[in-house]
Amino acid sequence: MSRDGVTPSQTVGPYFRLGLDRPEWSDLTRDGPRGEKIVVEGRVLDGDGSPVDDAVLEIWQADADGRYDHPDDGRPADERFHGFGRAMTDEAGRYRFVTIRPGRVPGQGGAPQAPHINLTIFARGLLKQLVTRIYFADEPSNEGDPVLAGIGDPAARRTLLADRQDAGAVYRFDVVLQGKGETAFFDV
């Protein structure tokens, strides 16, 4: 307790690993869904560029046909793909998801959005989770995506693009929590 009798606020953690670490949840392809199998990997870094070794990342995405496994979608989704995953960072701040490349989903007014993965980050020092999106740098439909177009700063928009590594199906997406190169986060 503080001197004035009020308990000071505290951030969440650092006990994520005890209750939330389910390594199998980082592989969204374990049931054999349709679509192009990809890997999304990267690092979570703090404002000084140091690795965040105890972050939790959660993804939510559509299947290869652009359908969510959720009743509000209203269209039948691939029953072998549930679209949710969770990964923990290691001592170097690294995380890794095995998933499928999502299809385009309808946005406001029914206009298709570019393929993307919704990403939520929980970490020590955060009072509230951070929310962003992962887009694919090699995706032609990014130019017409209303969310990307709504980010006026080209440098901020670039922080939402995962780069394909080599000729494989591995995409690199680093999350910078603050400072130079900070990932664009959404106020939701």
N, C-alpha and C. Protein backbone atom coordinates (compact mmCIF):
# COMPACT_ATOMS: atom_id res chain seq x y z
N MET A 1 0.83 -1.19 0.00
CA MET A 1 0.00 0.00 0.00
C MET A 1 0.87 1.24 0.00
N SER A 2 0.36 2.28 -0.63
CA SER A 2 1.08 3.55 -0.64
C SER A 2 0.80 4.31 0.65
N ARG A 3 1.50 5.41 0.82
CA ARG A 3 1.33 6.21 2.05
C ARG A 3 -0.08 6.75 2.22
N ASP A 4 -0.79 7.00 1.14
CA ASP A 4 -2.14 7.56 1.26
C ASP A 4 -3.22 6.49 1.43
N GLY A 5 -2.80 5.23 1.58
CA GLY A 5 -3.74 4.15 1.82
C GLY A 5 -4.34 3.54 0.56
N VAL A 6 -3.94 4.00 -0.61
CA VAL A 6 -4.45 3.48 -1.87
C VAL A 6 -3.41 2.54 -2.46
N THR A 7 -3.85 1.38 -2.87
CA THR A 7 -2.94 0.43 -3.49
C THR A 7 -2.57 0.93 -4.88
N PRO A 8 -1.27 1.03 -5.19
CA PRO A 8 -0.88 1.50 -6.53
C PRO A 8 -1.25 0.47 -7.60
N SER A 9 -1.48 0.97 -8.81
CA SER A 9 -1.80 0.05 -9.90
C SER A 9 -0.55 -0.73 -10.30
N GLN A 10 -0.76 -1.89 -10.86
CA GLN A 10 0.35 -2.72 -11.32
C GLN A 10 0.02 -3.26 -12.69
N THR A 11 1.06 -3.58 -13.42
CA THR A 11 0.86 -4.19 -14.73
C THR A 11 0.67 -5.69 -14.55
N VAL A 12 0.24 -6.34 -15.62
CA VAL A 12 0.05 -7.78 -15.57
C VAL A 12 1.39 -8.49 -15.69
N GLY A 13 1.42 -9.75 -15.31
CA GLY A 13 2.63 -10.56 -15.46
C GLY A 13 3.51 -10.45 -14.25
N PRO A 14 4.64 -11.09 -14.25
CA PRO A 14 5.27 -11.83 -15.35
C PRO A 14 4.95 -13.33 -15.33
N TYR A 15 3.74 -13.70 -14.97
CA TYR A 15 3.40 -15.12 -14.79
C TYR A 15 2.64 -15.72 -15.95
N PHE A 16 2.77 -15.15 -17.14
CA PHE A 16 2.04 -15.66 -18.29
C PHE A 16 2.34 -17.13 -18.55
N ARG A 17 3.60 -17.48 -18.49
CA ARG A 17 4.02 -18.83 -18.87
C ARG A 17 3.34 -19.89 -18.01
N LEU A 18 3.09 -19.60 -16.76
CA LEU A 18 2.48 -20.59 -15.88
C LEU A 18 1.08 -21.00 -16.32
N GLY A 19 0.27 -20.06 -16.72
CA GLY A 19 -1.12 -20.39 -17.04
C GLY A 19 -1.48 -20.38 -18.50
N LEU A 20 -0.64 -19.77 -19.34
CA LEU A 20 -1.03 -19.58 -20.72
C LEU A 20 -0.19 -20.31 -21.75
N ASP A 21 0.91 -20.89 -21.34
CA ASP A 21 1.82 -21.51 -22.30
C ASP A 21 1.26 -22.86 -22.75
N ARG A 22 0.81 -22.91 -23.97
CA ARG A 22 0.33 -24.12 -24.61
C ARG A 22 1.02 -24.19 -25.97
N PRO A 23 2.24 -24.76 -26.04
CA PRO A 23 3.02 -24.74 -27.28
C PRO A 23 2.26 -25.26 -28.50
N GLU A 24 1.37 -26.21 -28.31
CA GLU A 24 0.63 -26.76 -29.46
C GLU A 24 -0.31 -25.74 -30.09
N TRP A 25 -0.65 -24.68 -29.36
CA TRP A 25 -1.56 -23.66 -29.89
C TRP A 25 -0.90 -22.77 -30.93
N SER A 26 0.41 -22.85 -31.07
CA SER A 26 1.07 -22.01 -32.08
C SER A 26 1.05 -22.66 -33.47
N ASP A 27 0.57 -23.89 -33.57
CA ASP A 27 0.44 -24.57 -34.86
C ASP A 27 -1.04 -24.68 -35.21
N LEU A 28 -1.51 -23.81 -36.07
CA LEU A 28 -2.92 -23.79 -36.47
C LEU A 28 -3.22 -24.78 -37.58
N THR A 29 -2.18 -25.51 -38.05
CA THR A 29 -2.36 -26.46 -39.15
C THR A 29 -2.45 -27.90 -38.67
N ARG A 30 -2.48 -28.12 -37.39
CA ARG A 30 -2.41 -29.49 -36.85
C ARG A 30 -3.59 -30.38 -37.27
N ASP A 31 -4.71 -29.78 -37.68
CA ASP A 31 -5.86 -30.57 -38.13
C ASP A 31 -5.94 -30.68 -39.66
N GLY A 32 -4.93 -30.18 -40.37
CA GLY A 32 -4.87 -30.32 -41.82
C GLY A 32 -5.83 -29.44 -42.61
N PRO A 33 -5.88 -28.14 -42.34
CA PRO A 33 -6.80 -27.28 -43.09
C PRO A 33 -6.38 -27.09 -44.55
N ARG A 34 -7.32 -26.62 -45.36
CA ARG A 34 -7.03 -26.25 -46.75
C ARG A 34 -6.19 -24.97 -46.75
N GLY A 35 -5.42 -24.78 -47.81
CA GLY A 35 -4.70 -23.53 -47.99
C GLY A 35 -3.19 -23.67 -47.96
N GLU A 36 -2.54 -22.57 -48.28
CA GLU A 36 -1.07 -22.52 -48.31
C GLU A 36 -0.53 -22.45 -46.88
N LYS A 37 0.23 -23.44 -46.51
CA LYS A 37 0.83 -23.47 -45.17
C LYS A 37 1.99 -22.46 -45.14
N ILE A 38 1.98 -21.61 -44.12
CA ILE A 38 3.02 -20.61 -43.95
C ILE A 38 3.49 -20.60 -42.50
N VAL A 39 4.62 -19.95 -42.28
CA VAL A 39 5.15 -19.70 -40.94
C VAL A 39 5.25 -18.19 -40.78
N VAL A 40 4.79 -17.68 -39.66
CA VAL A 40 4.97 -16.27 -39.30
C VAL A 40 5.82 -16.28 -38.05
N GLU A 41 6.98 -15.63 -38.15
CA GLU A 41 7.89 -15.61 -37.00
C GLU A 41 8.56 -14.24 -36.91
N GLY A 42 9.06 -13.96 -35.74
CA GLY A 42 9.73 -12.69 -35.53
C GLY A 42 10.14 -12.55 -34.08
N ARG A 43 10.36 -11.31 -33.70
CA ARG A 43 10.77 -11.00 -32.33
C ARG A 43 9.90 -9.88 -31.78
N VAL A 44 9.75 -9.85 -30.47
CA VAL A 44 9.11 -8.75 -29.78
C VAL A 44 10.22 -7.99 -29.07
N LEU A 45 10.30 -6.68 -29.37
CA LEU A 45 11.38 -5.84 -28.84
C LEU A 45 10.80 -4.65 -28.09
N ASP A 46 11.51 -4.23 -27.03
CA ASP A 46 11.06 -3.05 -26.28
C ASP A 46 11.62 -1.79 -26.94
N GLY A 47 11.41 -0.65 -26.31
CA GLY A 47 11.83 0.63 -26.87
C GLY A 47 13.32 0.80 -27.03
N ASP A 48 14.11 0.02 -26.30
CA ASP A 48 15.57 0.07 -26.41
C ASP A 48 16.09 -0.95 -27.41
N GLY A 49 15.21 -1.72 -28.02
CA GLY A 49 15.63 -2.77 -28.94
C GLY A 49 15.98 -4.07 -28.26
N SER A 50 15.71 -4.15 -26.95
CA SER A 50 15.99 -5.38 -26.21
C SER A 50 14.83 -6.36 -26.36
N PRO A 51 15.14 -7.66 -26.37
CA PRO A 51 14.07 -8.65 -26.51
C PRO A 51 13.14 -8.68 -25.31
N VAL A 52 11.87 -8.89 -25.56
CA VAL A 52 10.87 -9.08 -24.51
C VAL A 52 10.68 -10.58 -24.40
N ASP A 53 11.18 -11.15 -23.30
CA ASP A 53 11.26 -12.61 -23.18
C ASP A 53 10.05 -13.27 -22.54
N ASP A 54 9.03 -12.50 -22.22
CA ASP A 54 7.86 -13.11 -21.57
C ASP A 54 6.55 -12.56 -22.11
N ALA A 55 6.52 -12.27 -23.40
CA ALA A 55 5.29 -11.78 -24.02
C ALA A 55 4.44 -12.96 -24.50
N VAL A 56 3.15 -12.72 -24.60
CA VAL A 56 2.19 -13.66 -25.16
C VAL A 56 1.60 -13.01 -26.40
N LEU A 57 1.62 -13.72 -27.50
CA LEU A 57 1.02 -13.23 -28.74
C LEU A 57 -0.13 -14.15 -29.10
N GLU A 58 -1.26 -13.55 -29.45
CA GLU A 58 -2.42 -14.31 -29.90
C GLU A 58 -2.81 -13.83 -31.29
N ILE A 59 -3.14 -14.79 -32.15
CA ILE A 59 -3.61 -14.43 -33.49
C ILE A 59 -5.02 -14.94 -33.69
N TRP A 60 -5.73 -14.24 -34.55
CA TRP A 60 -7.08 -14.61 -34.96
C TRP A 60 -7.17 -14.29 -36.44
N GLN A 61 -7.56 -15.26 -37.25
CA GLN A 61 -7.55 -15.04 -38.69
C GLN A 61 -8.62 -15.86 -39.38
N ALA A 62 -8.86 -15.48 -40.63
CA ALA A 62 -9.80 -16.22 -41.47
C ALA A 62 -9.11 -17.43 -42.08
N ASP A 63 -9.92 -18.34 -42.62
CA ASP A 63 -9.37 -19.50 -43.32
C ASP A 63 -8.92 -19.09 -44.73
N ALA A 64 -8.52 -20.04 -45.53
CA ALA A 64 -8.00 -19.75 -46.87
C ALA A 64 -9.05 -19.14 -47.79
N ASP A 65 -10.33 -19.33 -47.47
CA ASP A 65 -11.42 -18.76 -48.28
C ASP A 65 -11.92 -17.43 -47.72
N GLY A 66 -11.24 -16.90 -46.70
CA GLY A 66 -11.64 -15.63 -46.13
C GLY A 66 -12.84 -15.72 -45.19
N ARG A 67 -12.99 -16.87 -44.54
CA ARG A 67 -14.12 -17.08 -43.63
C ARG A 67 -13.60 -17.34 -42.22
N TYR A 68 -14.27 -16.72 -41.26
CA TYR A 68 -13.91 -16.91 -39.85
C TYR A 68 -14.72 -18.05 -39.24
N ASP A 69 -14.09 -18.79 -38.35
CA ASP A 69 -14.79 -19.83 -37.60
C ASP A 69 -15.51 -19.15 -36.44
N HIS A 70 -16.57 -18.43 -36.79
CA HIS A 70 -17.33 -17.67 -35.80
C HIS A 70 -18.76 -17.51 -36.32
N PRO A 71 -19.75 -17.65 -35.44
CA PRO A 71 -21.14 -17.57 -35.89
C PRO A 71 -21.49 -16.24 -36.55
N ASP A 72 -20.84 -15.14 -36.17
CA ASP A 72 -21.15 -13.85 -36.77
C ASP A 72 -20.70 -13.76 -38.23
N ASP A 73 -19.80 -14.65 -38.67
CA ASP A 73 -19.38 -14.62 -40.07
C ASP A 73 -20.53 -15.01 -40.97
N GLY A 74 -21.32 -16.02 -40.58
CA GLY A 74 -22.49 -16.41 -41.34
C GLY A 74 -22.22 -17.27 -42.56
N ARG A 75 -20.96 -17.56 -42.84
CA ARG A 75 -20.61 -18.42 -43.98
C ARG A 75 -19.87 -19.63 -43.43
N PRO A 76 -20.05 -20.79 -44.04
CA PRO A 76 -19.36 -21.98 -43.51
C PRO A 76 -17.84 -21.88 -43.70
N ALA A 77 -17.13 -22.08 -42.61
CA ALA A 77 -15.66 -22.02 -42.63
C ALA A 77 -15.09 -23.44 -42.71
N ASP A 78 -13.82 -23.53 -43.02
CA ASP A 78 -13.11 -24.81 -43.05
C ASP A 78 -13.18 -25.41 -41.64
N GLU A 79 -13.84 -26.54 -41.50
CA GLU A 79 -14.01 -27.13 -40.17
C GLU A 79 -12.71 -27.65 -39.56
N ARG A 80 -11.64 -27.69 -40.35
CA ARG A 80 -10.34 -28.13 -39.83
C ARG A 80 -9.44 -26.95 -39.46
N PHE A 81 -10.01 -25.73 -39.52
CA PHE A 81 -9.22 -24.54 -39.21
C PHE A 81 -10.03 -23.63 -38.31
N HIS A 82 -9.51 -23.36 -37.13
CA HIS A 82 -10.25 -22.56 -36.16
C HIS A 82 -9.77 -21.13 -36.05
N GLY A 83 -8.61 -20.81 -36.62
CA GLY A 83 -8.18 -19.43 -36.75
C GLY A 83 -7.58 -18.77 -35.53
N PHE A 84 -7.49 -19.47 -34.40
CA PHE A 84 -6.92 -18.89 -33.19
C PHE A 84 -5.62 -19.59 -32.84
N GLY A 85 -4.62 -18.79 -32.46
CA GLY A 85 -3.36 -19.36 -32.00
C GLY A 85 -2.73 -18.50 -30.93
N ARG A 86 -1.84 -19.13 -30.17
CA ARG A 86 -1.13 -18.41 -29.10
C ARG A 86 0.31 -18.89 -29.10
N ALA A 87 1.24 -17.94 -28.92
CA ALA A 87 2.66 -18.27 -28.81
C ALA A 87 3.29 -17.39 -27.73
N MET A 88 4.29 -17.94 -27.10
CA MET A 88 5.07 -17.22 -26.10
C MET A 88 6.41 -16.83 -26.73
N THR A 89 7.00 -15.75 -26.23
CA THR A 89 8.34 -15.41 -26.69
C THR A 89 9.36 -16.15 -25.84
N ASP A 90 10.52 -16.41 -26.44
CA ASP A 90 11.61 -17.06 -25.70
C ASP A 90 12.58 -16.00 -25.16
N GLU A 91 13.72 -16.44 -24.64
CA GLU A 91 14.67 -15.51 -24.03
C GLU A 91 15.22 -14.47 -25.00
N ALA A 92 15.14 -14.74 -26.30
CA ALA A 92 15.60 -13.78 -27.31
C ALA A 92 14.43 -12.97 -27.89
N GLY A 93 13.24 -13.12 -27.29
CA GLY A 93 12.07 -12.39 -27.77
C GLY A 93 11.43 -12.99 -29.00
N ARG A 94 11.84 -14.20 -29.38
CA ARG A 94 11.34 -14.84 -30.61
C ARG A 94 9.99 -15.54 -30.37
N TYR A 95 9.17 -15.52 -31.41
CA TYR A 95 7.91 -16.27 -31.43
C TYR A 95 7.78 -16.91 -32.80
N ARG A 96 6.84 -17.86 -32.92
CA ARG A 96 6.65 -18.55 -34.20
C ARG A 96 5.24 -19.14 -34.25
N PHE A 97 4.55 -18.90 -35.36
CA PHE A 97 3.26 -19.52 -35.64
C PHE A 97 3.35 -20.29 -36.94
N VAL A 98 2.73 -21.47 -36.98
CA VAL A 98 2.54 -22.21 -38.22
C VAL A 98 1.05 -22.10 -38.51
N THR A 99 0.72 -21.60 -39.69
CA THR A 99 -0.69 -21.35 -40.01
C THR A 99 -0.89 -21.48 -41.52
N ILE A 100 -1.98 -20.96 -42.01
CA ILE A 100 -2.22 -20.89 -43.44
C ILE A 100 -2.35 -19.43 -43.83
N ARG A 101 -2.08 -19.17 -45.08
CA ARG A 101 -2.26 -17.80 -45.58
C ARG A 101 -3.77 -17.56 -45.66
N PRO A 102 -4.25 -16.52 -44.97
CA PRO A 102 -5.70 -16.28 -44.96
C PRO A 102 -6.19 -15.71 -46.28
N GLY A 103 -7.47 -15.93 -46.54
CA GLY A 103 -8.11 -15.32 -47.70
C GLY A 103 -8.58 -13.92 -47.38
N ARG A 104 -9.10 -13.26 -48.39
CA ARG A 104 -9.63 -11.90 -48.21
C ARG A 104 -10.98 -11.96 -47.51
N VAL A 105 -11.19 -11.07 -46.57
CA VAL A 105 -12.45 -11.02 -45.83
C VAL A 105 -13.18 -9.73 -46.19
N PRO A 106 -14.51 -9.74 -46.12
CA PRO A 106 -15.24 -8.51 -46.40
C PRO A 106 -15.06 -7.49 -45.27
N GLY A 107 -14.91 -6.25 -45.68
CA GLY A 107 -14.82 -5.15 -44.71
C GLY A 107 -16.14 -4.40 -44.68
N GLN A 108 -16.08 -3.16 -44.19
CA GLN A 108 -17.30 -2.36 -44.14
C GLN A 108 -17.85 -2.16 -45.55
N GLY A 109 -19.13 -2.32 -45.69
CA GLY A 109 -19.76 -2.18 -46.99
C GLY A 109 -19.53 -3.35 -47.92
N GLY A 110 -18.89 -4.42 -47.42
CA GLY A 110 -18.66 -5.61 -48.21
C GLY A 110 -17.41 -5.59 -49.07
N ALA A 111 -16.68 -4.47 -49.11
CA ALA A 111 -15.45 -4.40 -49.92
C ALA A 111 -14.41 -5.34 -49.31
N PRO A 112 -13.73 -6.12 -50.15
CA PRO A 112 -12.75 -7.08 -49.61
C PRO A 112 -11.51 -6.40 -49.04
N GLN A 113 -11.07 -6.88 -47.89
CA GLN A 113 -9.83 -6.43 -47.29
C GLN A 113 -8.70 -7.34 -47.78
N ALA A 114 -7.50 -6.84 -47.72
CA ALA A 114 -6.33 -7.66 -48.06
C ALA A 114 -6.19 -8.76 -47.01
N PRO A 115 -5.62 -9.91 -47.39
CA PRO A 115 -5.39 -10.96 -46.40
C PRO A 115 -4.56 -10.42 -45.24
N HIS A 116 -4.98 -10.77 -44.03
CA HIS A 116 -4.26 -10.29 -42.85
C HIS A 116 -4.53 -11.22 -41.68
N ILE A 117 -3.70 -11.08 -40.67
CA ILE A 117 -3.84 -11.81 -39.41
C ILE A 117 -3.96 -10.78 -38.30
N ASN A 118 -4.97 -10.91 -37.47
CA ASN A 118 -5.13 -10.02 -36.32
C ASN A 118 -4.19 -10.50 -35.22
N LEU A 119 -3.49 -9.57 -34.59
CA LEU A 119 -2.48 -9.92 -33.58
C LEU A 119 -2.70 -9.10 -32.32
N THR A 120 -2.71 -9.80 -31.18
CA THR A 120 -2.81 -9.16 -29.87
C THR A 120 -1.56 -9.53 -29.08
N ILE A 121 -0.98 -8.52 -28.40
CA ILE A 121 0.24 -8.73 -27.61
C ILE A 121 -0.05 -8.40 -26.15
N PHE A 122 0.32 -9.32 -25.28
CA PHE A 122 0.26 -9.13 -23.83
C PHE A 122 1.70 -9.19 -23.33
N ALA A 123 2.09 -8.27 -22.47
CA ALA A 123 3.47 -8.31 -21.96
C ALA A 123 3.56 -7.54 -20.65
N ARG A 124 4.58 -7.88 -19.90
CA ARG A 124 4.91 -7.17 -18.67
C ARG A 124 5.08 -5.69 -19.00
N GLY A 125 4.54 -4.84 -18.16
CA GLY A 125 4.66 -3.41 -18.38
C GLY A 125 3.49 -2.81 -19.15
N LEU A 126 2.63 -3.64 -19.70
CA LEU A 126 1.47 -3.13 -20.43
C LEU A 126 0.24 -3.19 -19.52
N LEU A 127 -0.45 -2.09 -19.42
CA LEU A 127 -1.69 -2.08 -18.64
C LEU A 127 -2.85 -2.66 -19.45
N LYS A 128 -2.72 -2.60 -20.76
CA LYS A 128 -3.75 -3.09 -21.67
C LYS A 128 -3.05 -3.78 -22.84
N GLN A 129 -3.64 -4.82 -23.37
CA GLN A 129 -3.05 -5.51 -24.51
C GLN A 129 -2.93 -4.56 -25.70
N LEU A 130 -2.00 -4.87 -26.59
CA LEU A 130 -1.82 -4.11 -27.83
C LEU A 130 -2.41 -4.92 -28.98
N VAL A 131 -3.05 -4.23 -29.91
CA VAL A 131 -3.71 -4.89 -31.03
C VAL A 131 -3.18 -4.31 -32.34
N THR A 132 -2.83 -5.18 -33.27
CA THR A 132 -2.36 -4.75 -34.57
C THR A 132 -2.77 -5.80 -35.60
N ARG A 133 -2.27 -5.66 -36.81
CA ARG A 133 -2.52 -6.61 -37.88
C ARG A 133 -1.21 -6.96 -38.56
N ILE A 134 -1.16 -8.17 -39.09
CA ILE A 134 -0.04 -8.60 -39.91
C ILE A 134 -0.56 -8.73 -41.33
N TYR A 135 -0.02 -7.92 -42.23
CA TYR A 135 -0.29 -8.04 -43.66
C TYR A 135 0.93 -8.66 -44.33
N PHE A 136 0.78 -9.10 -45.56
CA PHE A 136 1.86 -9.76 -46.29
C PHE A 136 2.41 -8.80 -47.33
N ALA A 137 3.70 -8.48 -47.24
CA ALA A 137 4.30 -7.47 -48.12
C ALA A 137 4.18 -7.83 -49.60
N ASP A 138 4.08 -9.11 -49.92
CA ASP A 138 4.00 -9.54 -51.31
C ASP A 138 2.56 -9.67 -51.82
N GLU A 139 1.60 -9.12 -51.11
CA GLU A 139 0.19 -9.23 -51.47
C GLU A 139 -0.26 -8.02 -52.30
N PRO A 140 -0.65 -8.23 -53.56
CA PRO A 140 -1.06 -7.11 -54.42
C PRO A 140 -2.28 -6.34 -53.90
N SER A 141 -3.20 -7.00 -53.19
CA SER A 141 -4.42 -6.31 -52.75
C SER A 141 -4.20 -5.37 -51.57
N ASN A 142 -2.98 -5.28 -51.05
CA ASN A 142 -2.70 -4.34 -49.95
C ASN A 142 -3.04 -2.91 -50.35
N GLU A 143 -2.81 -2.58 -51.62
CA GLU A 143 -3.05 -1.20 -52.09
C GLU A 143 -4.49 -0.75 -51.88
N GLY A 144 -5.44 -1.66 -51.95
CA GLY A 144 -6.84 -1.30 -51.80
C GLY A 144 -7.42 -1.59 -50.42
N ASP A 145 -6.59 -2.00 -49.48
CA ASP A 145 -7.10 -2.33 -48.15
C ASP A 145 -7.45 -1.05 -47.39
N PRO A 146 -8.70 -0.95 -46.89
CA PRO A 146 -9.13 0.28 -46.22
C PRO A 146 -8.38 0.56 -44.90
N VAL A 147 -7.97 -0.47 -44.19
CA VAL A 147 -7.25 -0.24 -42.93
C VAL A 147 -5.85 0.29 -43.22
N LEU A 148 -5.15 -0.35 -44.14
CA LEU A 148 -3.82 0.15 -44.50
C LEU A 148 -3.90 1.56 -45.08
N ALA A 149 -4.90 1.81 -45.93
CA ALA A 149 -5.06 3.13 -46.53
C ALA A 149 -5.36 4.20 -45.48
N GLY A 150 -5.95 3.80 -44.36
CA GLY A 150 -6.29 4.74 -43.30
C GLY A 150 -5.10 5.17 -42.45
N ILE A 151 -3.95 4.56 -42.67
CA ILE A 151 -2.74 4.94 -41.93
C ILE A 151 -1.95 5.88 -42.83
N GLY A 152 -1.98 7.17 -42.50
CA GLY A 152 -1.39 8.19 -43.35
C GLY A 152 0.12 8.15 -43.46
N ASP A 153 0.79 7.75 -42.41
CA ASP A 153 2.25 7.75 -42.39
C ASP A 153 2.77 6.47 -43.04
N PRO A 154 3.48 6.59 -44.19
CA PRO A 154 3.99 5.38 -44.86
C PRO A 154 4.92 4.53 -43.99
N ALA A 155 5.70 5.16 -43.12
CA ALA A 155 6.60 4.39 -42.24
C ALA A 155 5.79 3.57 -41.24
N ALA A 156 4.73 4.14 -40.70
CA ALA A 156 3.86 3.39 -39.77
C ALA A 156 3.15 2.26 -40.50
N ARG A 157 2.68 2.54 -41.71
CA ARG A 157 2.00 1.51 -42.50
C ARG A 157 2.96 0.35 -42.79
N ARG A 158 4.22 0.64 -43.04
CA ARG A 158 5.22 -0.38 -43.34
C ARG A 158 5.41 -1.34 -42.16
N THR A 159 5.18 -0.88 -40.93
CA THR A 159 5.38 -1.74 -39.76
C THR A 159 4.36 -2.87 -39.69
N LEU A 160 3.33 -2.84 -40.53
CA LEU A 160 2.31 -3.88 -40.52
C LEU A 160 2.55 -4.94 -41.59
N LEU A 161 3.65 -4.83 -42.32
CA LEU A 161 3.93 -5.76 -43.42
C LEU A 161 4.95 -6.80 -43.03
N ALA A 162 4.58 -8.06 -43.17
CA ALA A 162 5.49 -9.18 -42.94
C ALA A 162 6.20 -9.48 -44.25
N ASP A 163 7.51 -9.63 -44.20
CA ASP A 163 8.31 -9.90 -45.39
C ASP A 163 8.55 -11.39 -45.54
N ARG A 164 8.37 -11.87 -46.79
CA ARG A 164 8.67 -13.28 -47.09
C ARG A 164 10.18 -13.45 -47.05
N GLN A 165 10.62 -14.49 -46.37
CA GLN A 165 12.04 -14.78 -46.23
C GLN A 165 12.47 -15.76 -47.31
N ASP A 166 13.52 -15.44 -48.01
CA ASP A 166 14.04 -16.28 -49.09
C ASP A 166 12.91 -16.62 -50.07
N ALA A 167 12.89 -17.82 -50.56
CA ALA A 167 11.83 -18.23 -51.48
C ALA A 167 10.81 -19.12 -50.78
N GLY A 168 10.95 -19.28 -49.48
CA GLY A 168 10.07 -20.18 -48.75
C GLY A 168 8.78 -19.54 -48.32
N ALA A 169 8.04 -20.26 -47.50
CA ALA A 169 6.75 -19.79 -47.00
C ALA A 169 6.89 -19.29 -45.58
N VAL A 170 8.01 -18.63 -45.28
CA VAL A 170 8.25 -18.06 -43.96
C VAL A 170 8.17 -16.54 -44.07
N TYR A 171 7.35 -15.93 -43.21
CA TYR A 171 7.20 -14.49 -43.16
C TYR A 171 7.77 -13.97 -41.85
N ARG A 172 8.51 -12.87 -41.94
CA ARG A 172 9.13 -12.25 -40.77
C ARG A 172 8.30 -11.04 -40.37
N PHE A 173 7.90 -11.00 -39.08
CA PHE A 173 7.15 -9.87 -38.55
C PHE A 173 7.63 -9.58 -37.14
N ASP A 174 8.42 -8.52 -37.00
CA ASP A 174 8.88 -8.10 -35.68
C ASP A 174 7.90 -7.10 -35.10
N VAL A 175 7.72 -7.15 -33.78
CA VAL A 175 6.87 -6.23 -33.06
C VAL A 175 7.77 -5.34 -32.20
N VAL A 176 7.70 -4.03 -32.45
CA VAL A 176 8.46 -3.07 -31.65
C VAL A 176 7.45 -2.32 -30.79
N LEU A 177 7.57 -2.46 -29.48
CA LEU A 177 6.55 -1.95 -28.57
C LEU A 177 6.52 -0.43 -28.45
N GLN A 178 7.66 0.24 -28.64
CA GLN A 178 7.68 1.70 -28.57
C GLN A 178 8.98 2.22 -29.16
N GLY A 179 9.01 3.52 -29.40
CA GLY A 179 10.25 4.14 -29.88
C GLY A 179 10.42 4.03 -31.38
N LYS A 180 11.66 4.13 -31.83
CA LYS A 180 11.98 4.12 -33.26
C LYS A 180 11.51 2.81 -33.90
N GLY A 181 10.74 2.94 -34.97
CA GLY A 181 10.21 1.77 -35.67
C GLY A 181 9.04 1.11 -34.98
N GLU A 182 8.42 1.82 -34.04
CA GLU A 182 7.28 1.25 -33.30
C GLU A 182 6.22 0.71 -34.24
N THR A 183 5.74 -0.48 -33.95
CA THR A 183 4.66 -1.09 -34.71
C THR A 183 3.40 -0.24 -34.56
N ALA A 184 2.66 -0.10 -35.63
CA ALA A 184 1.38 0.62 -35.56
C ALA A 184 0.37 -0.25 -34.81
N PHE A 185 -0.18 0.31 -33.75
CA PHE A 185 -1.18 -0.40 -32.94
C PHE A 185 -2.52 0.32 -33.09
N PHE A 186 -3.60 -0.45 -32.91
CA PHE A 186 -4.95 0.09 -33.07
C PHE A 186 -5.60 0.33 -31.73
N ASP A 187 -6.36 1.40 -31.64
CA ASP A 187 -7.08 1.74 -30.43
C ASP A 187 -8.45 1.07 -30.50
N VAL A 188 -8.54 -0.13 -29.90
CA VAL A 188 -9.80 -0.88 -29.94
C VAL A 188 -10.36 -1.07 -28.54
